[in-house]
Amino acid sequence: MWLPVRQEGHERPTDRGPDDKEPLSPPGERGVPLKEKDRRLLEELKRDGRATLTALSSRLGVPRVTLHDRLERLKAEGVIRRFTVITEPSLEGLGTSAFVLVSFEKSGRVTQRAVAESAGRLPGVQEVHVIAGEWDMLLKVRGESLEAIGRLVVEKLREIPGIASTMTLPCFFTVKDLP
């Protein structure tokens, strides 16, 4: 991907839309709130990641060139990490989900990050979060059945060096699940 080099104070005309008063955030700047037009663009892409620039331009009332530049900038800044396909887990045979709380064994032989990364490599583990509180990690797992999730926890997860204990919380149903 080609991205133009921009020197401070030297903005290209397409860095701003016709009614856009502020330039985009400098690349790499974190913690800066997104501009309203960037938020609207992201919402449209979340609704339909395959939308063309022409369609987005029409929906948002922003020139295509400006949208293209904003999209490239959001990718370069890491706001947009990747474009992907979101599937229905139950249609893939992964209709059962659970959360697993994990306690880290503080033996000094392995780091908590290494344990989390090992857990994240297991098939069926969809998310790994290092958390504060009584438990050290929270995992989101999916499987074809509760029995399959049980095998994942007992036969694979608990065998990872550095895991002291687990507590599995099966989901009855999910009301909201963001991709």
N, C-alpha and C. Protein backbone atom coordinates (compact mmCIF):
# COMPACT_ATOMS: atom_id res chain seq x y z
N MET A 1 0.85 -1.17 0.00
CA MET A 1 0.00 0.00 0.00
C MET A 1 0.89 1.23 0.00
N TRP A 2 0.67 2.16 -0.90
CA TRP A 2 1.44 3.37 -0.99
C TRP A 2 0.76 4.44 -0.17
N LEU A 3 1.50 5.08 0.71
CA LEU A 3 0.99 6.21 1.48
C LEU A 3 1.94 7.38 1.29
N PRO A 4 1.40 8.55 0.99
CA PRO A 4 2.26 9.70 0.79
C PRO A 4 2.90 10.13 2.10
N VAL A 5 4.12 10.64 2.02
CA VAL A 5 4.79 11.19 3.19
C VAL A 5 4.32 12.63 3.32
N ARG A 6 3.91 12.97 4.54
CA ARG A 6 3.40 14.32 4.77
C ARG A 6 4.27 15.00 5.81
N GLN A 7 4.76 16.17 5.50
CA GLN A 7 5.53 16.93 6.48
C GLN A 7 4.56 17.81 7.25
N GLU A 8 4.90 18.04 8.52
CA GLU A 8 4.03 18.85 9.36
C GLU A 8 3.82 20.21 8.72
N GLY A 9 2.57 20.63 8.67
CA GLY A 9 2.22 21.93 8.10
C GLY A 9 2.01 21.89 6.60
N HIS A 10 2.28 20.76 5.95
CA HIS A 10 2.10 20.64 4.51
C HIS A 10 1.02 19.61 4.23
N GLU A 11 -0.22 20.05 4.19
CA GLU A 11 -1.33 19.13 3.95
C GLU A 11 -1.67 19.15 2.47
N ARG A 12 -2.06 17.99 1.99
CA ARG A 12 -2.53 17.92 0.62
C ARG A 12 -3.96 18.42 0.59
N PRO A 13 -4.44 18.95 -0.49
CA PRO A 13 -5.81 19.46 -0.55
C PRO A 13 -6.85 18.41 -0.20
N THR A 14 -6.57 17.12 -0.48
CA THR A 14 -7.56 16.08 -0.21
C THR A 14 -7.59 15.66 1.25
N ASP A 15 -6.70 16.24 2.11
CA ASP A 15 -6.75 15.92 3.53
C ASP A 15 -7.99 16.51 4.18
N ARG A 16 -8.66 17.39 3.47
CA ARG A 16 -9.86 18.03 4.00
C ARG A 16 -10.96 17.95 2.96
N GLY A 17 -12.17 17.75 3.43
CA GLY A 17 -13.32 17.80 2.55
C GLY A 17 -13.74 19.24 2.36
N PRO A 18 -14.73 19.51 1.50
CA PRO A 18 -15.15 20.87 1.25
C PRO A 18 -15.67 21.57 2.51
N ASP A 19 -16.29 20.80 3.41
CA ASP A 19 -16.80 21.43 4.63
C ASP A 19 -16.04 20.92 5.86
N ASP A 20 -14.89 20.35 5.64
CA ASP A 20 -14.08 19.79 6.70
C ASP A 20 -13.09 20.86 7.17
N LYS A 21 -13.23 21.32 8.38
CA LYS A 21 -12.40 22.41 8.88
C LYS A 21 -11.08 21.93 9.47
N GLU A 22 -11.03 20.68 9.97
CA GLU A 22 -9.83 20.19 10.62
C GLU A 22 -9.18 19.09 9.78
N PRO A 23 -7.84 19.07 9.73
CA PRO A 23 -7.17 17.97 9.03
C PRO A 23 -7.33 16.69 9.84
N LEU A 24 -7.06 15.55 9.21
CA LEU A 24 -7.09 14.28 9.91
C LEU A 24 -5.99 14.24 10.95
N SER A 25 -6.14 13.36 11.93
CA SER A 25 -5.11 13.20 12.96
C SER A 25 -3.81 12.73 12.32
N PRO A 26 -2.67 13.19 12.82
CA PRO A 26 -1.39 12.71 12.29
C PRO A 26 -1.27 11.21 12.48
N PRO A 27 -0.64 10.49 11.53
CA PRO A 27 -0.49 9.04 11.68
C PRO A 27 0.21 8.69 12.98
N GLY A 28 -0.25 7.62 13.60
CA GLY A 28 0.37 7.13 14.82
C GLY A 28 -0.08 7.82 16.08
N GLU A 29 -0.87 8.87 15.98
CA GLU A 29 -1.31 9.57 17.18
C GLU A 29 -2.44 8.77 17.82
N ARG A 30 -2.24 8.32 19.03
CA ARG A 30 -3.21 7.49 19.72
C ARG A 30 -3.95 8.30 20.77
N GLY A 31 -5.14 7.87 21.09
CA GLY A 31 -5.91 8.51 22.14
C GLY A 31 -6.58 9.80 21.69
N VAL A 32 -6.42 10.17 20.43
CA VAL A 32 -7.07 11.36 19.91
C VAL A 32 -8.45 10.95 19.42
N PRO A 33 -9.50 11.64 19.88
CA PRO A 33 -10.84 11.24 19.45
C PRO A 33 -10.96 11.34 17.92
N LEU A 34 -11.69 10.40 17.37
CA LEU A 34 -11.93 10.41 15.92
C LEU A 34 -12.85 11.55 15.56
N LYS A 35 -12.65 12.07 14.39
CA LYS A 35 -13.52 13.11 13.87
C LYS A 35 -14.87 12.47 13.52
N GLU A 36 -15.91 13.28 13.52
CA GLU A 36 -17.27 12.79 13.25
C GLU A 36 -17.36 12.09 11.89
N LYS A 37 -16.71 12.64 10.88
CA LYS A 37 -16.76 12.01 9.55
C LYS A 37 -16.09 10.64 9.55
N ASP A 38 -15.01 10.50 10.33
CA ASP A 38 -14.36 9.20 10.44
C ASP A 38 -15.27 8.20 11.14
N ARG A 39 -15.95 8.64 12.18
CA ARG A 39 -16.89 7.76 12.90
C ARG A 39 -18.02 7.31 11.98
N ARG A 40 -18.55 8.24 11.20
CA ARG A 40 -19.64 7.90 10.28
C ARG A 40 -19.16 6.91 9.22
N LEU A 41 -17.94 7.12 8.71
CA LEU A 41 -17.37 6.20 7.74
C LEU A 41 -17.20 4.81 8.34
N LEU A 42 -16.68 4.74 9.56
CA LEU A 42 -16.50 3.45 10.23
C LEU A 42 -17.83 2.75 10.46
N GLU A 43 -18.86 3.50 10.86
CA GLU A 43 -20.18 2.89 11.08
C GLU A 43 -20.72 2.30 9.78
N GLU A 44 -20.57 3.03 8.68
CA GLU A 44 -21.03 2.51 7.39
C GLU A 44 -20.26 1.25 7.00
N LEU A 45 -18.96 1.24 7.24
CA LEU A 45 -18.16 0.06 6.90
C LEU A 45 -18.49 -1.12 7.80
N LYS A 46 -18.82 -0.86 9.06
CA LYS A 46 -19.23 -1.95 9.96
C LYS A 46 -20.55 -2.55 9.48
N ARG A 47 -21.43 -1.70 8.96
CA ARG A 47 -22.71 -2.21 8.44
C ARG A 47 -22.50 -3.00 7.15
N ASP A 48 -21.61 -2.50 6.30
CA ASP A 48 -21.37 -3.16 5.00
C ASP A 48 -19.92 -2.93 4.59
N GLY A 49 -19.07 -3.87 4.94
CA GLY A 49 -17.64 -3.75 4.65
C GLY A 49 -17.31 -3.85 3.17
N ARG A 50 -18.29 -4.25 2.36
CA ARG A 50 -18.06 -4.37 0.92
C ARG A 50 -18.57 -3.17 0.15
N ALA A 51 -19.05 -2.15 0.85
CA ALA A 51 -19.58 -0.97 0.17
C ALA A 51 -18.48 -0.31 -0.66
N THR A 52 -18.85 0.15 -1.83
CA THR A 52 -17.89 0.83 -2.70
C THR A 52 -17.71 2.27 -2.23
N LEU A 53 -16.62 2.88 -2.65
CA LEU A 53 -16.40 4.29 -2.32
C LEU A 53 -17.51 5.16 -2.89
N THR A 54 -18.02 4.80 -4.07
CA THR A 54 -19.11 5.56 -4.67
C THR A 54 -20.35 5.51 -3.79
N ALA A 55 -20.70 4.31 -3.32
CA ALA A 55 -21.87 4.17 -2.44
C ALA A 55 -21.67 4.90 -1.13
N LEU A 56 -20.47 4.77 -0.55
CA LEU A 56 -20.18 5.47 0.71
C LEU A 56 -20.23 6.98 0.52
N SER A 57 -19.70 7.45 -0.58
CA SER A 57 -19.70 8.87 -0.89
C SER A 57 -21.13 9.40 -0.95
N SER A 58 -21.99 8.63 -1.60
CA SER A 58 -23.40 9.02 -1.72
C SER A 58 -24.09 9.04 -0.36
N ARG A 59 -23.87 7.99 0.45
CA ARG A 59 -24.52 7.90 1.76
C ARG A 59 -24.03 8.97 2.73
N LEU A 60 -22.74 9.28 2.65
CA LEU A 60 -22.14 10.19 3.63
C LEU A 60 -22.07 11.63 3.15
N GLY A 61 -22.28 11.84 1.85
CA GLY A 61 -22.20 13.19 1.30
C GLY A 61 -20.78 13.74 1.33
N VAL A 62 -19.81 12.86 1.12
CA VAL A 62 -18.39 13.24 1.15
C VAL A 62 -17.78 12.80 -0.18
N PRO A 63 -16.91 13.63 -0.78
CA PRO A 63 -16.30 13.24 -2.05
C PRO A 63 -15.52 11.93 -1.94
N ARG A 64 -15.53 11.15 -3.03
CA ARG A 64 -14.84 9.85 -3.05
C ARG A 64 -13.36 9.98 -2.73
N VAL A 65 -12.70 10.99 -3.26
CA VAL A 65 -11.26 11.16 -3.03
C VAL A 65 -11.01 11.37 -1.54
N THR A 66 -11.85 12.18 -0.91
CA THR A 66 -11.70 12.43 0.52
C THR A 66 -11.92 11.14 1.31
N LEU A 67 -12.94 10.36 0.93
CA LEU A 67 -13.19 9.08 1.61
C LEU A 67 -12.01 8.13 1.44
N HIS A 68 -11.48 8.08 0.22
CA HIS A 68 -10.33 7.20 -0.03
C HIS A 68 -9.17 7.59 0.88
N ASP A 69 -8.87 8.88 0.95
CA ASP A 69 -7.77 9.34 1.80
C ASP A 69 -8.04 9.03 3.27
N ARG A 70 -9.27 9.25 3.71
CA ARG A 70 -9.62 8.96 5.11
C ARG A 70 -9.48 7.47 5.40
N LEU A 71 -9.94 6.65 4.48
CA LEU A 71 -9.87 5.20 4.64
C LEU A 71 -8.41 4.74 4.71
N GLU A 72 -7.58 5.24 3.83
CA GLU A 72 -6.15 4.89 3.85
C GLU A 72 -5.51 5.36 5.14
N ARG A 73 -5.86 6.53 5.62
CA ARG A 73 -5.30 7.06 6.85
C ARG A 73 -5.75 6.22 8.04
N LEU A 74 -7.02 5.83 8.09
CA LEU A 74 -7.51 5.00 9.19
C LEU A 74 -6.81 3.65 9.21
N LYS A 75 -6.50 3.11 8.04
CA LYS A 75 -5.75 1.86 7.97
C LYS A 75 -4.32 2.08 8.44
N ALA A 76 -3.68 3.13 7.98
CA ALA A 76 -2.29 3.41 8.35
C ALA A 76 -2.15 3.68 9.84
N GLU A 77 -3.15 4.32 10.45
CA GLU A 77 -3.11 4.63 11.88
C GLU A 77 -3.46 3.42 12.74
N GLY A 78 -3.94 2.34 12.12
CA GLY A 78 -4.30 1.15 12.88
C GLY A 78 -5.71 1.17 13.43
N VAL A 79 -6.49 2.19 13.09
CA VAL A 79 -7.90 2.23 13.52
C VAL A 79 -8.64 1.08 12.85
N ILE A 80 -8.42 0.92 11.54
CA ILE A 80 -8.94 -0.24 10.82
C ILE A 80 -7.80 -1.25 10.77
N ARG A 81 -7.98 -2.36 11.48
CA ARG A 81 -6.91 -3.36 11.54
C ARG A 81 -6.93 -4.29 10.34
N ARG A 82 -8.13 -4.68 9.90
CA ARG A 82 -8.23 -5.57 8.74
C ARG A 82 -9.68 -5.64 8.30
N PHE A 83 -9.87 -6.13 7.08
CA PHE A 83 -11.20 -6.42 6.57
C PHE A 83 -11.33 -7.94 6.60
N THR A 84 -12.48 -8.43 7.03
CA THR A 84 -12.62 -9.88 7.20
C THR A 84 -14.06 -10.32 6.94
N VAL A 85 -14.26 -11.61 6.94
CA VAL A 85 -15.59 -12.21 6.81
C VAL A 85 -16.06 -12.61 8.20
N ILE A 86 -17.30 -12.30 8.50
CA ILE A 86 -17.89 -12.68 9.78
C ILE A 86 -18.92 -13.76 9.50
N THR A 87 -18.71 -14.92 10.09
CA THR A 87 -19.59 -16.06 9.83
C THR A 87 -20.53 -16.28 11.00
N GLU A 88 -21.54 -17.07 10.80
CA GLU A 88 -22.47 -17.47 11.85
C GLU A 88 -21.89 -18.75 12.48
N PRO A 89 -21.41 -18.68 13.73
CA PRO A 89 -20.76 -19.83 14.36
C PRO A 89 -21.61 -21.10 14.37
N SER A 90 -22.91 -20.97 14.60
CA SER A 90 -23.74 -22.18 14.66
C SER A 90 -23.79 -22.90 13.31
N LEU A 91 -23.67 -22.15 12.21
CA LEU A 91 -23.68 -22.77 10.88
C LEU A 91 -22.33 -23.41 10.54
N GLU A 92 -21.32 -23.10 11.35
CA GLU A 92 -20.00 -23.73 11.19
C GLU A 92 -19.84 -24.91 12.15
N GLY A 93 -20.90 -25.23 12.90
CA GLY A 93 -20.82 -26.31 13.87
C GLY A 93 -20.24 -25.87 15.20
N LEU A 94 -20.25 -24.56 15.46
CA LEU A 94 -19.71 -24.02 16.72
C LEU A 94 -20.80 -23.25 17.45
N GLY A 95 -21.93 -23.92 17.66
CA GLY A 95 -23.09 -23.26 18.23
C GLY A 95 -23.08 -23.08 19.73
N THR A 96 -22.12 -23.66 20.43
CA THR A 96 -22.05 -23.54 21.88
C THR A 96 -20.89 -22.63 22.25
N SER A 97 -21.16 -21.69 23.14
CA SER A 97 -20.09 -20.80 23.57
C SER A 97 -20.02 -20.77 25.09
N ALA A 98 -18.86 -20.40 25.58
CA ALA A 98 -18.65 -20.31 27.02
C ALA A 98 -17.53 -19.31 27.28
N PHE A 99 -17.48 -18.84 28.50
CA PHE A 99 -16.38 -18.01 28.96
C PHE A 99 -15.62 -18.82 30.00
N VAL A 100 -14.32 -18.71 29.97
CA VAL A 100 -13.49 -19.47 30.90
C VAL A 100 -12.63 -18.48 31.68
N LEU A 101 -12.78 -18.50 33.00
CA LEU A 101 -11.92 -17.72 33.87
C LEU A 101 -10.69 -18.55 34.17
N VAL A 102 -9.51 -17.94 34.11
CA VAL A 102 -8.25 -18.66 34.28
C VAL A 102 -7.44 -17.98 35.37
N SER A 103 -6.92 -18.82 36.27
CA SER A 103 -6.02 -18.35 37.32
C SER A 103 -4.60 -18.71 36.92
N PHE A 104 -3.71 -17.74 36.98
CA PHE A 104 -2.32 -17.90 36.58
C PHE A 104 -1.50 -18.41 37.77
N GLU A 105 -0.68 -19.42 37.50
CA GLU A 105 0.22 -19.98 38.52
C GLU A 105 1.51 -19.16 38.51
N LYS A 106 1.75 -18.42 39.58
CA LYS A 106 2.89 -17.50 39.63
C LYS A 106 4.15 -18.23 40.09
N SER A 107 4.66 -19.13 39.26
CA SER A 107 5.83 -19.93 39.63
C SER A 107 7.13 -19.28 39.19
N GLY A 108 7.05 -18.34 38.27
CA GLY A 108 8.26 -17.72 37.74
C GLY A 108 8.83 -18.45 36.54
N ARG A 109 8.28 -19.64 36.24
CA ARG A 109 8.79 -20.41 35.09
C ARG A 109 8.30 -19.84 33.76
N VAL A 110 7.11 -19.25 33.77
CA VAL A 110 6.50 -18.76 32.54
C VAL A 110 5.76 -17.46 32.85
N THR A 111 5.73 -16.56 31.89
CA THR A 111 5.05 -15.28 32.11
C THR A 111 3.56 -15.40 31.83
N GLN A 112 2.81 -14.49 32.39
CA GLN A 112 1.37 -14.48 32.16
C GLN A 112 1.06 -14.23 30.68
N ARG A 113 1.83 -13.37 30.05
CA ARG A 113 1.64 -13.12 28.61
C ARG A 113 1.87 -14.39 27.81
N ALA A 114 2.89 -15.16 28.14
CA ALA A 114 3.18 -16.41 27.41
C ALA A 114 2.03 -17.39 27.59
N VAL A 115 1.47 -17.46 28.80
CA VAL A 115 0.32 -18.34 29.05
C VAL A 115 -0.87 -17.89 28.20
N ALA A 116 -1.13 -16.59 28.20
CA ALA A 116 -2.25 -16.05 27.42
C ALA A 116 -2.06 -16.33 25.93
N GLU A 117 -0.84 -16.17 25.43
CA GLU A 117 -0.58 -16.44 24.01
C GLU A 117 -0.74 -17.91 23.69
N SER A 118 -0.31 -18.80 24.58
CA SER A 118 -0.49 -20.25 24.37
C SER A 118 -1.97 -20.59 24.34
N ALA A 119 -2.74 -20.03 25.25
CA ALA A 119 -4.19 -20.27 25.27
C ALA A 119 -4.83 -19.78 23.97
N GLY A 120 -4.38 -18.64 23.49
CA GLY A 120 -4.95 -18.07 22.27
C GLY A 120 -4.68 -18.89 21.01
N ARG A 121 -3.68 -19.75 21.06
CA ARG A 121 -3.38 -20.59 19.90
C ARG A 121 -4.23 -21.87 19.84
N LEU A 122 -4.96 -22.15 20.90
CA LEU A 122 -5.78 -23.37 20.91
C LEU A 122 -6.99 -23.21 20.00
N PRO A 123 -7.28 -24.23 19.18
CA PRO A 123 -8.49 -24.18 18.36
C PRO A 123 -9.72 -24.09 19.27
N GLY A 124 -10.62 -23.20 18.93
CA GLY A 124 -11.84 -23.01 19.73
C GLY A 124 -11.76 -21.81 20.65
N VAL A 125 -10.56 -21.32 20.92
CA VAL A 125 -10.42 -20.13 21.75
C VAL A 125 -10.51 -18.92 20.83
N GLN A 126 -11.54 -18.10 21.04
CA GLN A 126 -11.75 -16.96 20.16
C GLN A 126 -11.20 -15.66 20.70
N GLU A 127 -11.20 -15.50 22.00
CA GLU A 127 -10.70 -14.27 22.62
C GLU A 127 -9.93 -14.62 23.88
N VAL A 128 -8.90 -13.84 24.16
CA VAL A 128 -8.13 -13.99 25.39
C VAL A 128 -7.92 -12.59 25.96
N HIS A 129 -8.34 -12.39 27.19
CA HIS A 129 -8.19 -11.09 27.86
C HIS A 129 -7.46 -11.29 29.18
N VAL A 130 -6.43 -10.49 29.43
CA VAL A 130 -5.77 -10.48 30.73
C VAL A 130 -6.52 -9.44 31.55
N ILE A 131 -7.02 -9.85 32.72
CA ILE A 131 -7.92 -9.00 33.50
C ILE A 131 -7.39 -8.79 34.92
N ALA A 132 -8.00 -7.86 35.63
CA ALA A 132 -7.67 -7.61 37.03
C ALA A 132 -8.76 -8.24 37.89
N GLY A 133 -8.42 -8.56 39.12
CA GLY A 133 -9.40 -9.13 40.03
C GLY A 133 -8.98 -10.50 40.52
N GLU A 134 -9.97 -11.28 40.96
CA GLU A 134 -9.70 -12.60 41.52
C GLU A 134 -9.12 -13.56 40.49
N TRP A 135 -9.52 -13.41 39.22
CA TRP A 135 -9.03 -14.24 38.13
C TRP A 135 -8.06 -13.43 37.29
N ASP A 136 -7.20 -14.10 36.55
CA ASP A 136 -6.16 -13.42 35.79
C ASP A 136 -6.47 -13.28 34.30
N MET A 137 -7.27 -14.18 33.75
CA MET A 137 -7.60 -14.14 32.33
C MET A 137 -9.06 -14.52 32.13
N LEU A 138 -9.61 -14.00 31.03
CA LEU A 138 -10.96 -14.35 30.61
C LEU A 138 -10.87 -14.78 29.15
N LEU A 139 -11.35 -15.98 28.86
CA LEU A 139 -11.32 -16.51 27.50
C LEU A 139 -12.74 -16.70 27.00
N LYS A 140 -12.96 -16.42 25.73
CA LYS A 140 -14.21 -16.75 25.08
C LYS A 140 -13.91 -17.95 24.19
N VAL A 141 -14.67 -19.02 24.37
CA VAL A 141 -14.44 -20.23 23.59
C VAL A 141 -15.73 -20.66 22.90
N ARG A 142 -15.58 -21.35 21.79
CA ARG A 142 -16.72 -21.92 21.06
C ARG A 142 -16.42 -23.36 20.72
N GLY A 143 -17.49 -24.15 20.65
CA GLY A 143 -17.36 -25.55 20.26
C GLY A 143 -18.68 -26.07 19.75
N GLU A 144 -18.66 -27.32 19.29
CA GLU A 144 -19.89 -27.92 18.75
C GLU A 144 -20.88 -28.27 19.85
N SER A 145 -20.37 -28.46 21.08
CA SER A 145 -21.24 -28.83 22.21
C SER A 145 -20.54 -28.45 23.51
N LEU A 146 -21.27 -28.53 24.60
CA LEU A 146 -20.67 -28.28 25.91
C LEU A 146 -19.62 -29.35 26.21
N GLU A 147 -19.87 -30.55 25.76
CA GLU A 147 -18.89 -31.63 25.94
C GLU A 147 -17.58 -31.31 25.21
N ALA A 148 -17.68 -30.77 24.00
CA ALA A 148 -16.48 -30.41 23.23
C ALA A 148 -15.72 -29.28 23.94
N ILE A 149 -16.45 -28.32 24.49
CA ILE A 149 -15.80 -27.24 25.24
C ILE A 149 -15.14 -27.81 26.49
N GLY A 150 -15.80 -28.78 27.13
CA GLY A 150 -15.20 -29.44 28.31
C GLY A 150 -13.89 -30.12 27.97
N ARG A 151 -13.85 -30.79 26.82
CA ARG A 151 -12.60 -31.44 26.38
C ARG A 151 -11.51 -30.40 26.14
N LEU A 152 -11.89 -29.29 25.51
CA LEU A 152 -10.92 -28.22 25.26
C LEU A 152 -10.33 -27.72 26.59
N VAL A 153 -11.18 -27.48 27.58
CA VAL A 153 -10.71 -26.95 28.86
C VAL A 153 -9.88 -27.99 29.61
N VAL A 154 -10.41 -29.21 29.75
CA VAL A 154 -9.75 -30.23 30.58
C VAL A 154 -8.51 -30.81 29.91
N GLU A 155 -8.59 -31.11 28.62
CA GLU A 155 -7.50 -31.81 27.96
C GLU A 155 -6.43 -30.90 27.35
N LYS A 156 -6.80 -29.65 27.06
CA LYS A 156 -5.82 -28.78 26.40
C LYS A 156 -5.47 -27.55 27.23
N LEU A 157 -6.48 -26.80 27.63
CA LEU A 157 -6.22 -25.54 28.34
C LEU A 157 -5.52 -25.78 29.68
N ARG A 158 -6.03 -26.72 30.46
CA ARG A 158 -5.45 -26.97 31.78
C ARG A 158 -4.06 -27.60 31.71
N GLU A 159 -3.65 -28.06 30.54
CA GLU A 159 -2.33 -28.64 30.37
C GLU A 159 -1.26 -27.59 30.06
N ILE A 160 -1.67 -26.36 29.83
CA ILE A 160 -0.70 -25.30 29.53
C ILE A 160 0.06 -24.95 30.81
N PRO A 161 1.38 -25.03 30.80
CA PRO A 161 2.15 -24.66 31.99
C PRO A 161 1.85 -23.21 32.38
N GLY A 162 1.58 -23.01 33.66
CA GLY A 162 1.28 -21.67 34.17
C GLY A 162 -0.19 -21.48 34.48
N ILE A 163 -1.05 -22.42 34.10
CA ILE A 163 -2.47 -22.32 34.44
C ILE A 163 -2.70 -23.11 35.72
N ALA A 164 -3.16 -22.40 36.76
CA ALA A 164 -3.40 -23.03 38.06
C ALA A 164 -4.80 -23.63 38.14
N SER A 165 -5.81 -22.87 37.68
CA SER A 165 -7.19 -23.37 37.74
C SER A 165 -8.05 -22.61 36.74
N THR A 166 -9.22 -23.19 36.47
CA THR A 166 -10.17 -22.58 35.54
C THR A 166 -11.58 -22.69 36.10
N MET A 167 -12.45 -21.82 35.62
CA MET A 167 -13.88 -21.93 35.89
C MET A 167 -14.59 -21.63 34.58
N THR A 168 -15.40 -22.57 34.12
CA THR A 168 -16.08 -22.45 32.84
C THR A 168 -17.51 -21.99 33.07
N LEU A 169 -17.91 -20.96 32.30
CA LEU A 169 -19.25 -20.39 32.39
C LEU A 169 -19.94 -20.54 31.04
N PRO A 170 -20.76 -21.58 30.86
CA PRO A 170 -21.43 -21.78 29.58
C PRO A 170 -22.50 -20.71 29.34
N CYS A 171 -22.70 -20.34 28.07
CA CYS A 171 -23.71 -19.35 27.69
C CYS A 171 -25.01 -20.07 27.33
N PHE A 172 -26.13 -19.59 27.88
CA PHE A 172 -27.44 -20.11 27.48
C PHE A 172 -27.81 -19.57 26.10
N PHE A 173 -27.67 -18.25 25.93
CA PHE A 173 -27.88 -17.61 24.64
C PHE A 173 -27.19 -16.26 24.67
N THR A 174 -26.98 -15.69 23.51
CA THR A 174 -26.29 -14.40 23.39
C THR A 174 -27.26 -13.36 22.84
N VAL A 175 -27.34 -12.24 23.52
CA VAL A 175 -28.22 -11.15 23.11
C VAL A 175 -27.50 -10.23 22.14
N LYS A 176 -26.23 -9.93 22.40
CA LYS A 176 -25.45 -9.05 21.54
C LYS A 176 -24.04 -9.61 21.44
N ASP A 177 -23.54 -9.72 20.22
CA ASP A 177 -22.20 -10.24 19.97
C ASP A 177 -21.58 -9.43 18.86
N LEU A 178 -20.62 -8.59 19.19
CA LEU A 178 -19.96 -7.78 18.18
C LEU A 178 -18.86 -8.58 17.52
N PRO A 179 -18.70 -8.42 16.21
CA PRO A 179 -17.62 -9.13 15.52
C PRO A 179 -16.26 -8.60 15.92
